[in-house]
C-alpha atoms as a PDB file:
ATOM      1  CA  MET A   1      25.798  51.950-119.201  1.00  0.00           C
ATOM      2  CA  ASP A   2      29.469  52.513-118.295  1.00  0.00           C
ATOM      3  CA  ILE A   3      32.265  49.994-118.876  1.00  0.00           C
ATOM      4  CA  TYR A   4      35.355  49.489-116.710  1.00  0.00           C
ATOM      5  CA  ARG A   5      38.295  47.540-118.160  1.00  0.00           C
ATOM      6  CA  SER A   6      40.860  45.495-116.269  1.00  0.00           C
ATOM      7  CA  SER A   7      43.598  47.732-117.676  1.00  0.00           C
ATOM      8  CA  GLN A   8      42.275  50.550-115.461  1.00  0.00           C
ATOM      9  CA  ALA A   9      43.291  48.723-112.268  1.00  0.00           C
ATOM     10  CA  PHE A  10      46.385  49.926-110.414  1.00  0.00           C
ATOM     11  CA  PRO A  11      49.051  47.222-109.920  1.00  0.00           C
ATOM     12  CA  ALA A  12      50.602  46.850-106.477  1.00  0.00           C
ATOM     13  CA  GLY A  13      52.420  44.317-104.308  1.00  0.00           C
ATOM     14  CA  GLY A  14      55.400  42.164-105.217  1.00  0.00           C
ATOM     15  CA  LYS A  15      56.647  38.659-105.922  1.00  0.00           C
ATOM     16  CA  PHE A  16      54.634  36.827-103.251  1.00  0.00           C
ATOM     17  CA  PHE A  17      51.631  39.142-102.920  1.00  0.00           C
ATOM     18  CA  SER A  18      50.225  41.012-105.899  1.00  0.00           C
ATOM     19  CA  LEU A  19      47.229  43.303-106.167  1.00  0.00           C
ATOM     20  CA  LYS A  20      45.096  44.821-108.859  1.00  0.00           C
ATOM     21  CA  VAL A  21      43.562  47.786-107.087  1.00  0.00           C
ATOM     22  CA  ASN A  22      40.168  48.575-108.609  1.00  0.00           C
ATOM     23  CA  ARG A  23      38.775  52.050-108.004  1.00  0.00           C
ATOM     24  CA  PRO A  24      35.127  51.667-109.073  1.00  0.00           C
ATOM     25  CA  GLY A  25      34.489  55.369-109.586  1.00  0.00           C
ATOM     26  CA  LEU A  26      36.693  55.185-112.675  1.00  0.00           C
ATOM     27  CA  VAL A  27      33.901  53.327-114.455  1.00  0.00           C
ATOM     28  CA  ASN A  28      32.821  56.833-115.516  1.00  0.00           C
ATOM     29  CA  GLN A  29      36.273  57.347-117.148  1.00  0.00           C
ATOM     30  CA  ASP A  30      36.839  60.582-115.228  1.00  0.00           C
ATOM     31  CA  LYS A  31      40.527  60.408-114.266  1.00  0.00           C
ATOM     32  CA  ASP A  32      40.420  64.042-113.120  1.00  0.00           C
ATOM     33  CA  SER A  33      37.884  63.329-110.378  1.00  0.00           C
ATOM     34  CA  ASP A  34      39.086  64.168-106.868  1.00  0.00           C
ATOM     35  CA  ASP A  35      37.656  60.865-105.571  1.00  0.00           C
ATOM     36  CA  TYR A  36      37.851  57.487-107.320  1.00  0.00           C
ATOM     37  CA  SER A  37      35.228  55.826-105.136  1.00  0.00           C
ATOM     38  CA  PHE A  38      31.738  54.781-106.245  1.00  0.00           C
ATOM     39  CA  GLY A  39      29.807  56.431-103.451  1.00  0.00           C
ATOM     40  CA  PRO A  40      30.782  54.544-100.271  1.00  0.00           C
ATOM     41  CA  LEU A  41      32.297  51.656-102.288  1.00  0.00           C
ATOM     42  CA  ALA A  42      35.880  52.901-102.040  1.00  0.00           C
ATOM     43  CA  ARG A  43      37.872  50.148-103.762  1.00  0.00           C
ATOM     44  CA  PHE A  44      38.246  46.410-104.143  1.00  0.00           C
ATOM     45  CA  ASP A  45      41.608  44.704-104.455  1.00  0.00           C
ATOM     46  CA  HIS A  46      41.866  41.594-106.629  1.00  0.00           C
ATOM     47  CA  ALA A  47      44.707  39.827-104.843  1.00  0.00           C
ATOM     48  CA  THR A  48      46.885  36.809-105.568  1.00  0.00           C
ATOM     49  CA  ILE A  49      48.724  35.497-102.518  1.00  0.00           C
ATOM     50  CA  LYS A  50      51.397  32.845-102.959  1.00  0.00           C
ATOM     51  CA  LYS A  51      51.634  29.812-100.673  1.00  0.00           C
ATOM     52  CA  GLY A  52      53.624  30.555 -97.527  1.00  0.00           C
ATOM     53  CA  THR A  53      53.013  34.312 -97.648  1.00  0.00           C
ATOM     54  CA  LYS A  54      52.156  36.046 -94.385  1.00  0.00           C
ATOM     55  CA  ILE A  55      50.845  39.598 -94.109  1.00  0.00           C
ATOM     56  CA  LYS A  56      51.828  40.654 -90.601  1.00  0.00           C
ATOM     57  CA  MET A  57      49.441  42.020 -87.985  1.00  0.00           C
ATOM     58  CA  HIS A  58      48.320  45.513 -88.951  1.00  0.00           C
ATOM     59  CA  GLU A  59      45.650  48.018 -87.956  1.00  0.00           C
ATOM     60  CA  HIS A  60      42.539  49.232 -89.756  1.00  0.00           C
ATOM     61  CA  VAL A  61      40.434  52.176 -88.571  1.00  0.00           C
ATOM     62  CA  ASN A  62      36.991  53.018 -89.985  1.00  0.00           C
ATOM     63  CA  ASP A  63      37.180  50.500 -92.832  1.00  0.00           C
ATOM     64  CA  GLU A  64      34.359  48.063 -93.588  1.00  0.00           C
ATOM     65  CA  ILE A  65      36.189  45.120 -95.200  1.00  0.00           C
ATOM     66  CA  LEU A  66      34.584  42.106 -96.852  1.00  0.00           C
ATOM     67  CA  SER A  67      37.002  39.274 -97.703  1.00  0.00           C
ATOM     68  CA  TYR A  68      35.839  37.194-100.657  1.00  0.00           C
ATOM     69  CA  ILE A  69      37.842  34.064-101.510  1.00  0.00           C
ATOM     70  CA  GLY A  70      37.733  32.857-105.108  1.00  0.00           C
ATOM     71  CA  SER A  71      40.176  29.967-104.691  1.00  0.00           C
ATOM     72  CA  GLY A  72      42.495  28.607-102.010  1.00  0.00           C
ATOM     73  CA  GLN A  73      42.392  29.046 -98.245  1.00  0.00           C
ATOM     74  CA  LEU A  74      43.286  32.189 -96.300  1.00  0.00           C
ATOM     75  CA  LEU A  75      44.100  32.000 -92.580  1.00  0.00           C
ATOM     76  CA  HIS A  76      42.812  34.986 -90.600  1.00  0.00           C
ATOM     77  CA  ARG A  77      44.037  35.925 -87.109  1.00  0.00           C
ATOM     78  CA  ASP A  78      43.065  39.065 -85.231  1.00  0.00           C
ATOM     79  CA  SER A  79      43.658  41.087 -82.081  1.00  0.00           C
ATOM     80  CA  GLY A  80      40.511  39.610 -80.533  1.00  0.00           C
ATOM     81  CA  GLY A  81      42.101  36.161 -80.520  1.00  0.00           C
ATOM     82  CA  GLN A  82      39.991  34.724 -83.323  1.00  0.00           C
ATOM     83  CA  GLU A  83      41.496  32.384 -85.906  1.00  0.00           C
ATOM     84  CA  GLU A  84      39.489  31.315 -88.952  1.00  0.00           C
ATOM     85  CA  LEU A  85      40.250  29.629 -92.248  1.00  0.00           C
ATOM     86  CA  LEU A  86      38.474  31.366 -95.134  1.00  0.00           C
ATOM     87  CA  ALA A  87      37.750  29.527 -98.380  1.00  0.00           C
ATOM     88  CA  PRO A  88      35.348  29.798-101.335  1.00  0.00           C
ATOM     89  CA  GLY A  89      31.882  30.126 -99.839  1.00  0.00           C
ATOM     90  CA  ARG A  90      33.211  31.043 -96.383  1.00  0.00           C
ATOM     91  CA  HIS A  91      33.241  34.817 -96.109  1.00  0.00           C
ATOM     92  CA  MET A  92      34.460  37.327 -93.532  1.00  0.00           C
ATOM     93  CA  MET A  93      33.188  40.813 -92.708  1.00  0.00           C
ATOM     94  CA  MET A  94      35.537  42.962 -90.664  1.00  0.00           C
ATOM     95  CA  ASN A  95      33.911  46.124 -89.334  1.00  0.00           C
ATOM     96  CA  ALA A  96      37.077  47.857 -88.145  1.00  0.00           C
ATOM     97  CA  GLY A  97      35.396  50.802 -86.455  1.00  0.00           C
ATOM     98  CA  ARG A  98      37.649  52.763 -84.127  1.00  0.00           C
ATOM     99  CA  SER A  99      40.476  50.177 -84.321  1.00  0.00           C
ATOM    100  CA  PHE A 100      41.022  46.549 -85.286  1.00  0.00           C
ATOM    101  CA  PHE A 101      44.197  44.532 -85.924  1.00  0.00           C
ATOM    102  CA  HIS A 102      44.468  41.427 -88.095  1.00  0.00           C
ATOM    103  CA  GLU A 103      46.920  39.311 -90.072  1.00  0.00           C
ATOM    104  CA  GLU A 104      46.478  37.013 -93.073  1.00  0.00           C
ATOM    105  CA  SER A 105      48.471  34.097 -94.419  1.00  0.00           C
ATOM    106  CA  ALA A 106      48.282  31.398 -97.100  1.00  0.00           C
ATOM    107  CA  PRO A 107      49.690  28.279 -95.383  1.00  0.00           C
ATOM    108  CA  HIS A 108      48.178  25.614 -97.655  1.00  0.00           C
ATOM    109  CA  GLY A 109      48.416  26.963-101.211  1.00  0.00           C
ATOM    110  CA  ASP A 110      47.956  29.984-103.455  1.00  0.00           C
ATOM    111  CA  VAL A 111      44.936  32.214-102.824  1.00  0.00           C
ATOM    112  CA  GLU A 112      42.945  34.379-105.224  1.00  0.00           C
ATOM    113  CA  MET A 113      40.551  36.778-103.552  1.00  0.00           C
ATOM    114  CA  LEU A 114      38.893  40.174-103.355  1.00  0.00           C
ATOM    115  CA  GLN A 115      39.344  42.490-100.425  1.00  0.00           C
ATOM    116  CA  ILE A 116      36.425  44.897-100.636  1.00  0.00           C
ATOM    117  CA  LEU A 117      36.791  48.211 -98.793  1.00  0.00           C
ATOM    118  CA  ILE A 118      33.746  50.320 -97.981  1.00  0.00           C
ATOM    119  CA  ARG A 119      33.434  53.635 -96.169  1.00  0.00           C
ATOM    120  CA  PRO A 120      31.179  53.242 -93.110  1.00  0.00           C
ATOM    121  CA  GLU A 121      28.304  55.570 -92.426  1.00  0.00           C
ATOM    122  CA  LYS A 122      29.953  56.900 -89.244  1.00  0.00           C
ATOM    123  CA  ALA A 123      33.418  57.024 -87.746  1.00  0.00           C
ATOM    124  CA  ASP A 124      34.648  55.157 -84.667  1.00  0.00           C
ATOM    125  CA  LEU A 125      31.898  52.552 -84.415  1.00  0.00           C
ATOM    126  CA  GLU A 126      32.375  49.430 -82.290  1.00  0.00           C
ATOM    127  CA  PRO A 127      34.917  47.063 -83.937  1.00  0.00           C
ATOM    128  CA  ARG A 128      33.841  43.505 -84.741  1.00  0.00           C
ATOM    129  CA  VAL A 129      34.382  40.618 -87.131  1.00  0.00           C
ATOM    130  CA  ARG A 130      31.845  38.080 -88.441  1.00  0.00           C
ATOM    131  CA  PHE A 131      32.045  34.914 -90.548  1.00  0.00           C
ATOM    132  CA  TRP A 132      29.443  33.160 -92.699  1.00  0.00           C
ATOM    133  CA  GLU A 133      29.350  30.015 -94.803  1.00  0.00           C
ATOM    134  CA  ALA A 134      27.163  30.170 -97.903  1.00  0.00           C
ATOM    135  CA  GLU A 135      24.766  27.371 -98.762  1.00  0.00           C
ATOM    136  CA  GLU A 136      22.726  27.077-101.956  1.00  0.00           C
ATOM    137  CA  PRO A 137      22.535  30.076-104.344  1.00  0.00           C
ATOM    138  CA  GLY A 138      19.582  32.354-103.775  1.00  0.00           C
ATOM    139  CA  ASP A 139      16.915  33.519-106.205  1.00  0.00           C
ATOM    140  CA  GLY A 140      18.050  33.857-109.816  1.00  0.00           C
ATOM    141  CA  GLY A 141      21.445  32.316-109.131  1.00  0.00           C
ATOM    142  CA  TRP A 142      22.622  35.172-106.895  1.00  0.00           C
ATOM    143  CA  THR A 143      23.788  34.797-103.287  1.00  0.00           C
ATOM    144  CA  LEU A 144      23.515  37.830-101.006  1.00  0.00           C
ATOM    145  CA  ILE A 145      26.679  37.897 -98.892  1.00  0.00           C
ATOM    146  CA  GLY A 146      26.701  41.274 -97.169  1.00  0.00           C
ATOM    147  CA  GLY A 147      24.521  44.342 -96.885  1.00  0.00           C
ATOM    148  CA  PRO A 148      22.946  46.901 -94.548  1.00  0.00           C
ATOM    149  CA  SER A 149      20.955  45.751 -91.535  1.00  0.00           C
ATOM    150  CA  ASP A 150      17.608  46.088 -93.331  1.00  0.00           C
ATOM    151  CA  SER A 151      18.686  43.969 -96.358  1.00  0.00           C
ATOM    152  CA  GLY A 152      18.502  40.558 -94.697  1.00  0.00           C
ATOM    153  CA  ALA A 153      22.151  39.887 -95.561  1.00  0.00           C
ATOM    154  CA  PRO A 154      23.975  37.349 -93.356  1.00  0.00           C
ATOM    155  CA  LEU A 155      26.955  39.721 -92.945  1.00  0.00           C
ATOM    156  CA  GLU A 156      26.131  43.274 -91.944  1.00  0.00           C
ATOM    157  CA  ILE A 157      27.848  46.154 -93.727  1.00  0.00           C
ATOM    158  CA  ARG A 158      27.428  49.387 -91.820  1.00  0.00           C
ATOM    159  CA  GLN A 159      26.655  51.272 -94.987  1.00  0.00           C
ATOM    160  CA  ARG A 160      24.154  51.293 -97.845  1.00  0.00           C
ATOM    161  CA  VAL A 161      26.132  48.769 -99.897  1.00  0.00           C
ATOM    162  CA  ALA A 162      25.158  45.177-100.704  1.00  0.00           C
ATOM    163  CA  VAL A 163      27.425  42.470-102.158  1.00  0.00           C
ATOM    164  CA  TYR A 164      26.195  39.468-104.177  1.00  0.00           C
ATOM    165  CA  GLU A 165      27.898  36.508-105.854  1.00  0.00           C
ATOM    166  CA  ALA A 166      26.853  34.408-108.851  1.00  0.00           C
ATOM    167  CA  LYS A 167      28.574  31.299-110.212  1.00  0.00           C
ATOM    168  CA  ALA A 168      27.157  30.445-113.631  1.00  0.00           C
ATOM    169  CA  ASP A 169      27.755  28.087-116.547  1.00  0.00           C
ATOM    170  CA  ALA A 170      28.122  29.134-120.173  1.00  0.00           C
ATOM    171  CA  GLY A 171      24.797  30.093-121.705  1.00  0.00           C
ATOM    172  CA  ALA A 172      23.195  31.099-118.408  1.00  0.00           C
ATOM    173  CA  GLU A 173      21.074  34.243-118.467  1.00  0.00           C
ATOM    174  CA  LEU A 174      21.067  36.273-115.269  1.00  0.00           C
ATOM    175  CA  THR A 175      18.955  39.130-113.994  1.00  0.00           C
ATOM    176  CA  VAL A 176      20.803  41.590-111.787  1.00  0.00           C
ATOM    177  CA  PRO A 177      19.098  42.098-108.399  1.00  0.00           C
ATOM    178  CA  ASP A 178      17.488  45.496-107.984  1.00  0.00           C
ATOM    179  CA  MET A 179      17.198  47.528-104.755  1.00  0.00           C
ATOM    180  CA  ASP A 180      15.414  50.867-104.719  1.00  0.00           C
ATOM    181  CA  GLY A 181      17.890  53.734-104.419  1.00  0.00           C
ATOM    182  CA  TYR A 182      20.931  51.570-105.194  1.00  0.00           C
ATOM    183  CA  THR A 183      23.083  51.548-108.343  1.00  0.00           C
ATOM    184  CA  PRO A 184      24.615  48.253-109.572  1.00  0.00           C
ATOM    185  CA  TRP A 185      28.339  47.782-110.274  1.00  0.00           C
ATOM    186  CA  LEU A 186      29.122  44.323-111.681  1.00  0.00           C
ATOM    187  CA  TYR A 187      32.618  42.771-111.617  1.00  0.00           C
ATOM    188  CA  VAL A 188      33.796  39.727-113.576  1.00  0.00           C
ATOM    189  CA  PHE A 189      35.954  37.809-111.112  1.00  0.00           C
ATOM    190  CA  ASP A 190      36.404  34.967-113.601  1.00  0.00           C
ATOM    191  CA  GLY A 191      35.082  33.902-117.016  1.00  0.00           C
ATOM    192  CA  SER A 192      33.331  36.216-119.467  1.00  0.00           C
ATOM    193  CA  ILE A 193      29.873  37.661-120.054  1.00  0.00           C
ATOM    194  CA  ARG A 194      27.930  39.696-122.572  1.00  0.00           C
ATOM    195  CA  VAL A 195      25.837  42.565-121.287  1.00  0.00           C
ATOM    196  CA  GLY A 196      24.215  45.372-123.251  1.00  0.00           C
ATOM    197  CA  GLY A 197      26.016  44.168-126.366  1.00  0.00           C
ATOM    198  CA  GLU A 198      29.456  44.447-124.703  1.00  0.00           C
ATOM    199  CA  VAL A 199      31.746  41.500-123.914  1.00  0.00           C
ATOM    200  CA  LEU A 200      33.453  41.635-120.522  1.00  0.00           C
ATOM    201  CA  GLY A 201      36.268  39.337-119.419  1.00  0.00           C
ATOM    202  CA  LYS A 202      38.090  38.695-116.173  1.00  0.00           C
ATOM    203  CA  GLY A 203      38.794  41.939-114.334  1.00  0.00           C
ATOM    204  CA  ASP A 204      36.269  43.990-116.306  1.00  0.00           C
ATOM    205  CA  GLY A 205      33.207  45.654-114.838  1.00  0.00           C
ATOM    206  CA  VAL A 206      30.072  47.535-115.765  1.00  0.00           C
ATOM    207  CA  SER A 207      27.675  49.944-114.104  1.00  0.00           C
ATOM    208  CA  GLY A 208      24.367  51.463-115.069  1.00  0.00           C
ATOM    209  CA  THR A 209      20.719  51.193-114.169  1.00  0.00           C
ATOM    210  CA  ALA A 210      19.310  47.765-113.340  1.00  0.00           C
ATOM    211  CA  LYS A 211      17.318  47.976-116.589  1.00  0.00           C
ATOM    212  CA  GLU A 212      20.494  48.563-118.629  1.00  0.00           C
ATOM    213  CA  LEU A 213      22.036  45.401-117.152  1.00  0.00           C
ATOM    214  CA  THR A 214      19.047  43.112-117.729  1.00  0.00           C
ATOM    215  CA  ASP A 215      20.393  41.496-120.906  1.00  0.00           C
ATOM    216  CA  LEU A 216      23.233  39.514-119.269  1.00  0.00           C
ATOM    217  CA  THR A 217      24.485  36.218-120.718  1.00  0.00           C
ATOM    218  CA  VAL A 218      27.418  34.130-119.505  1.00  0.00           C
ATOM    219  CA  ILE A 219      29.835  33.267-122.339  1.00  0.00           C
ATOM    220  CA  GLU A 220      32.507  31.326-120.420  1.00  0.00           C
ATOM    221  CA  PRO A 221      31.732  29.692-117.048  1.00  0.00           C
ATOM    222  CA  GLY A 222      32.319  32.442-114.591  1.00  0.00           C
ATOM    223  CA  VAL A 223      32.140  34.014-111.173  1.00  0.00           C
ATOM    224  CA  LEU A 224      30.484  37.423-110.880  1.00  0.00           C
ATOM    225  CA  VAL A 225      30.539  39.789-107.914  1.00  0.00           C
ATOM    226  CA  LEU A 226      27.806  42.423-107.825  1.00  0.00           C
ATOM    227  CA  PHE A 227      27.855  45.578-105.739  1.00  0.00           C
ATOM    228  CA  LEU A 228      24.714  47.601-105.129  1.00  0.00           C
ATOM    229  CA  ALA A 229      25.582  51.011-103.714  1.00  0.00           C
ATOM    230  CA  ASP A 230      23.666  54.102-102.705  1.00  0.00           C
ATOM    231  CA  VAL A 231      26.082  56.570-104.261  1.00  0.00           C
ATOM    232  CA  ASN A 232      24.570  59.432-102.230  1.00  0.00           C
ATOM    233  CA  ALA A 233      24.809  57.724 -98.846  1.00  0.00           C
ATOM    234  CA  GLU A 234      26.271  59.552 -95.862  1.00  0.00           C
ATOM    235  CA  MET A 235      29.763  58.292 -95.072  1.00  0.00           C
ATOM    236  CA  THR A 236      33.038  59.014 -93.346  1.00  0.00           C
ATOM    237  CA  SER A 237      36.275  59.260 -95.300  1.00  0.00           C
ATOM    238  CA  SER A 238      38.454  58.705 -92.226  1.00  0.00           C
ATOM    239  CA  GLY A 239      39.205  55.063 -93.027  1.00  0.00           C
ATOM    240  CA  THR A 240      42.792  53.793 -93.107  1.00  0.00           C
ATOM    241  CA  ILE A 241      42.362  52.516 -96.685  1.00  0.00           C
ATOM    242  CA  SER A 242      38.761  53.283 -97.652  1.00  0.00           C
ATOM    243  CA  GLY A 243      39.344  56.976 -96.952  1.00  0.00           C
ATOM    244  CA  ILE A 244      41.971  57.281 -99.677  1.00  0.00           C
ATOM    245  CA  LYS A 245      40.370  59.245-102.498  1.00  0.00           C
ATOM    246  CA  ARG A 246      42.932  58.778-105.273  1.00  0.00           C
ATOM    247  CA  MET A 247      45.837  56.448-105.917  1.00  0.00           C
END
């Protein structure tokens, strides 16, 4: 079992838009690696966006981007003319492919979110964007948000990566979902947990085999985001952001 601490994140942004850039490959504590990704899971940015902030229209190429809202409302507009308000439980998957433009703003209040960047299996696929509103949690308290076409996920990720969410009260015991050929990487978006004898707080993470993560107890009411990734999957590193190998 490998532990990732919030102090390993790279700070970015400014007064109105701040990021903690998490490079999940650093869970192995190898700062000399030539690539800080965890297989095709390139990075996930824990962002805080202040009310009134607007991130102007910009292009992504060959990035698979899942927007996960923890609190607040984020207004999405894109080059296809779509406009959607994202909020907790309402998720967006942007498959940028060969080219896609979008902008984001926080018109109604502060936003806390993850922007999850994944390397697609192939370059220059057809661009598209999809939205989905979650209902009741799935089996074991976990909700499958996104995943490959054969996973049954409501939002398709064009890669062997699946993303789950769990919202749990103190004292809850959770079992991490297991998919053959995939390695779990668990992130504490909020609250705190104990797993494998280690206490993890907000911004911490852990990876290992599904068996190593079986003993998971929620200490403080929390929100957990779980990534399952095939670390040996074929991928392209030509993405605008996902293709970056080191900070």
